[in-house]
Amino acid sequence: MFPKILRGVAFAAAAAILVLPTISGSQSPLSYGGALKGCFKDTNDFDLNGYLERSRYNSVQRCIDICAQRGFKYAGVQYGESCLCGNSFGRYGPANNCTMSCTGYPEQICGGYASNAVYEIYNQSAAGIRPGAATSAPKSAASKACSAEADAKGLHGEARQRFRKDCRRDKR
């Protein structure tokens, strides 16, 4: 789905991509991270319709921070330069063209034409994650099987989350 590696701020483990901020020198730790939910279609009636900002300095972490500071659950990067924020996503379905480099961090992927790479925002401090730490999200065999079933059914967003939760419970 994403042909380039998100160097410097991402860690992939069992089909999950977690964005963790990098900290250097005198920078203060960032408290927000994101988990990639996937690539989703968009239109002029934005899927993530809470806030939009375009920047020649766009990056995944910058967008996550912008959306988190405004109180949104999801951050989406699109067309290399756009950051979109919202509390729901996926109403136009999945996309497969999230291949554009970010304007501010060309090693990262920032969506595509009319498509958002969507990240669920989480507070790292509340989750007990040290900013910049290389942490993984290990998945059990049941969790992996449920993810595969959700993929086969083409489920996304909240429907996918509900399905996976019920599936994992049933596989115990």
Protein backbone atom coordinates (compact mmCIF):
# COMPACT_ATOMS: atom_id res chain seq x y z
CA MET A 1 0.00 0.00 0.00
CA PHE A 2 2.81 2.44 0.87
CA PRO A 3 5.85 1.82 -1.36
CA LYS A 4 8.21 4.12 0.59
CA ILE A 5 9.42 3.59 4.12
CA LEU A 6 8.45 6.28 6.62
CA ARG A 7 11.99 6.86 7.87
CA GLY A 8 12.73 8.59 11.15
CA VAL A 9 9.28 8.60 12.67
CA ALA A 10 7.61 5.31 11.96
CA PHE A 11 7.87 1.77 13.16
CA ALA A 12 6.07 -1.04 11.35
CA ALA A 13 5.08 -4.20 13.18
CA ALA A 14 2.62 -6.80 11.95
CA ALA A 15 0.85 -4.45 9.51
CA ALA A 16 0.62 -1.64 12.07
CA ILE A 17 2.47 1.60 11.58
CA LEU A 18 2.99 3.73 14.64
CA VAL A 19 4.25 7.27 14.23
CA LEU A 20 6.50 8.26 17.10
CA PRO A 21 8.04 11.73 17.24
CA THR A 22 11.79 12.05 17.10
CA ILE A 23 13.44 14.22 19.69
CA SER A 24 16.79 15.89 19.27
CA GLY A 25 18.78 18.42 21.24
CA SER A 26 16.68 21.01 23.04
CA GLN A 27 13.32 20.05 21.55
CA SER A 28 10.64 19.37 24.11
CA PRO A 29 9.00 15.94 23.88
CA LEU A 30 5.89 15.74 21.76
CA SER A 31 2.99 14.02 23.44
CA TYR A 32 1.04 12.73 20.43
CA GLY A 33 1.57 9.83 18.10
CA GLY A 34 -0.53 8.11 15.49
CA ALA A 35 -1.44 4.68 14.23
CA LEU A 36 -1.96 4.34 10.49
CA LYS A 37 -5.54 3.30 9.67
CA GLY A 38 -5.01 3.13 5.90
CA CYS A 39 -5.47 5.01 2.64
CA PHE A 40 -8.96 6.40 1.97
CA LYS A 41 -10.66 8.19 -0.94
CA ASP A 42 -11.62 11.83 -0.64
CA THR A 43 -13.71 14.37 -2.56
CA ASN A 44 -14.35 18.13 -2.51
CA ASP A 45 -16.72 17.40 0.40
CA PHE A 46 -13.79 16.35 2.59
CA ASP A 47 -13.94 13.02 4.40
CA LEU A 48 -11.95 14.50 7.31
CA ASN A 49 -13.92 17.73 7.49
CA GLY A 50 -12.95 19.37 10.79
CA TYR A 51 -9.89 21.36 9.78
CA LEU A 52 -7.64 21.79 6.71
CA GLU A 53 -4.17 23.26 6.49
CA ARG A 54 -1.83 23.26 3.49
CA SER A 55 1.90 23.68 4.01
CA ARG A 56 5.17 23.40 2.19
CA TYR A 57 6.45 21.90 5.47
CA ASN A 58 3.88 19.10 5.72
CA SER A 59 4.80 15.83 7.44
CA VAL A 60 2.88 13.05 9.16
CA GLN A 61 3.99 14.11 12.65
CA ARG A 62 3.24 17.79 11.99
CA CYS A 63 -0.30 16.90 10.89
CA ILE A 64 -0.86 14.63 13.89
CA ASP A 65 0.26 17.43 16.20
CA ILE A 66 -1.98 20.01 14.46
CA CYS A 67 -5.05 17.77 14.69
CA ALA A 68 -4.34 16.65 18.27
CA GLN A 69 -3.96 20.23 19.44
CA ARG A 70 -7.39 20.99 17.96
CA GLY A 71 -8.97 18.02 19.74
CA PHE A 72 -9.57 15.70 16.75
CA LYS A 73 -9.39 11.88 16.78
CA TYR A 74 -7.93 11.47 13.29
CA ALA A 75 -5.29 13.17 11.15
CA GLY A 76 -5.00 12.70 7.40
CA VAL A 77 -2.28 13.76 4.99
CA GLN A 78 -3.17 14.30 1.35
CA TYR A 79 -1.47 15.33 -1.89
CA GLY A 80 1.86 15.83 -0.13
CA GLU A 81 0.92 19.26 1.20
CA SER A 82 -2.43 18.96 2.99
CA CYS A 83 -3.27 18.11 6.59
CA LEU A 84 -6.90 17.31 7.33
CA CYS A 85 -8.45 16.65 10.73
CA GLY A 86 -11.72 15.03 11.77
CA ASN A 87 -13.48 12.67 14.13
CA SER A 88 -14.56 10.10 11.52
CA PHE A 89 -13.26 8.87 8.18
CA GLY A 90 -13.84 6.31 5.45
CA ARG A 91 -17.22 7.39 4.04
CA TYR A 92 -15.85 7.25 0.46
CA GLY A 93 -14.12 3.90 0.92
CA PRO A 94 -10.54 2.70 0.65
CA ALA A 95 -8.02 4.02 -1.88
CA ASN A 96 -4.77 2.58 -3.19
CA ASN A 97 -2.92 5.68 -4.34
CA CYS A 98 -1.29 7.04 -1.16
CA THR A 99 2.10 7.40 -2.80
CA MET A 100 3.02 11.12 -2.67
CA SER A 101 5.98 12.39 -0.68
CA CYS A 102 5.40 14.95 2.05
CA THR A 103 6.43 18.50 1.15
CA GLY A 104 8.28 18.97 4.44
CA TYR A 105 9.70 15.48 4.82
CA PRO A 106 10.12 13.80 1.40
CA GLU A 107 11.02 10.43 2.97
CA GLN A 108 7.45 10.15 4.27
CA ILE A 109 4.26 9.42 2.37
CA CYS A 110 1.57 12.10 2.62
CA GLY A 111 -1.43 10.55 0.87
CA GLY A 112 -2.13 11.05 -2.81
CA TYR A 113 -4.41 12.80 -5.26
CA ALA A 114 -7.89 12.80 -3.66
CA SER A 115 -6.74 10.26 -1.06
CA ASN A 116 -5.85 10.54 2.62
CA ALA A 117 -3.35 8.50 4.59
CA VAL A 118 -5.32 8.48 7.87
CA TYR A 119 -3.80 8.20 11.35
CA GLU A 120 -5.62 7.64 14.62
CA ILE A 121 -4.22 10.07 17.18
CA TYR A 122 -3.23 8.91 20.63
CA ASN A 123 -1.71 10.63 23.62
CA GLN A 124 1.62 8.93 24.21
CA SER A 125 1.89 10.13 27.80
CA ALA A 126 -1.49 8.64 28.69
CA ALA A 127 -0.58 5.42 26.88
CA GLY A 128 2.71 5.17 28.79
CA ILE A 129 4.81 5.51 25.64
CA ARG A 130 8.03 7.49 25.80
CA PRO A 131 8.23 9.91 22.84
CA GLY A 132 10.89 8.73 20.41
CA ALA A 133 10.98 5.20 21.83
CA ALA A 134 10.93 2.33 19.37
CA THR A 135 7.84 0.50 20.54
CA SER A 136 5.87 -2.11 18.70
CA ALA A 137 2.27 -3.16 18.74
CA PRO A 138 2.49 -6.94 18.99
CA LYS A 139 -0.49 -8.82 17.65
CA SER A 140 -1.70 -12.21 18.72
CA ALA A 141 -2.52 -14.90 16.18
CA ALA A 142 -6.23 -14.24 16.82
CA SER A 143 -5.76 -10.52 16.20
CA LYS A 144 -3.91 -11.18 12.93
CA ALA A 145 -6.62 -13.62 11.81
CA CYS A 146 -9.34 -11.08 12.64
CA SER A 147 -7.47 -8.38 10.70
CA ALA A 148 -7.24 -10.69 7.69
CA GLU A 149 -10.99 -11.42 7.92
CA ALA A 150 -11.76 -7.68 8.17
CA ASP A 151 -9.57 -7.06 5.10
CA ALA A 152 -11.35 -9.81 3.16
CA LYS A 153 -14.70 -8.21 4.02
CA GLY A 154 -13.42 -4.75 3.00
CA LEU A 155 -14.23 -3.26 6.42
CA HIS A 156 -12.84 0.15 7.42
CA GLY A 157 -13.12 2.68 10.21
CA GLU A 158 -15.49 2.03 13.07
CA ALA A 159 -17.09 -0.99 11.38
CA ARG A 160 -13.64 -2.62 11.17
CA GLN A 161 -12.90 -1.84 14.80
CA ARG A 162 -16.21 -3.34 15.97
CA PHE A 163 -15.72 -6.44 13.80
CA ARG A 164 -12.16 -7.02 15.06
CA LYS A 165 -13.22 -6.57 18.70
CA ASP A 166 -16.06 -9.10 18.33
CA CYS A 167 -13.86 -11.46 16.33
CA ARG A 168 -11.07 -11.48 18.94
CA ARG A 169 -13.61 -12.08 21.71
CA ASP A 170 -15.09 -15.03 19.78
CA LYS A 171 -11.62 -16.57 19.18
CA ARG A 172 -10.72 -16.71 22.90
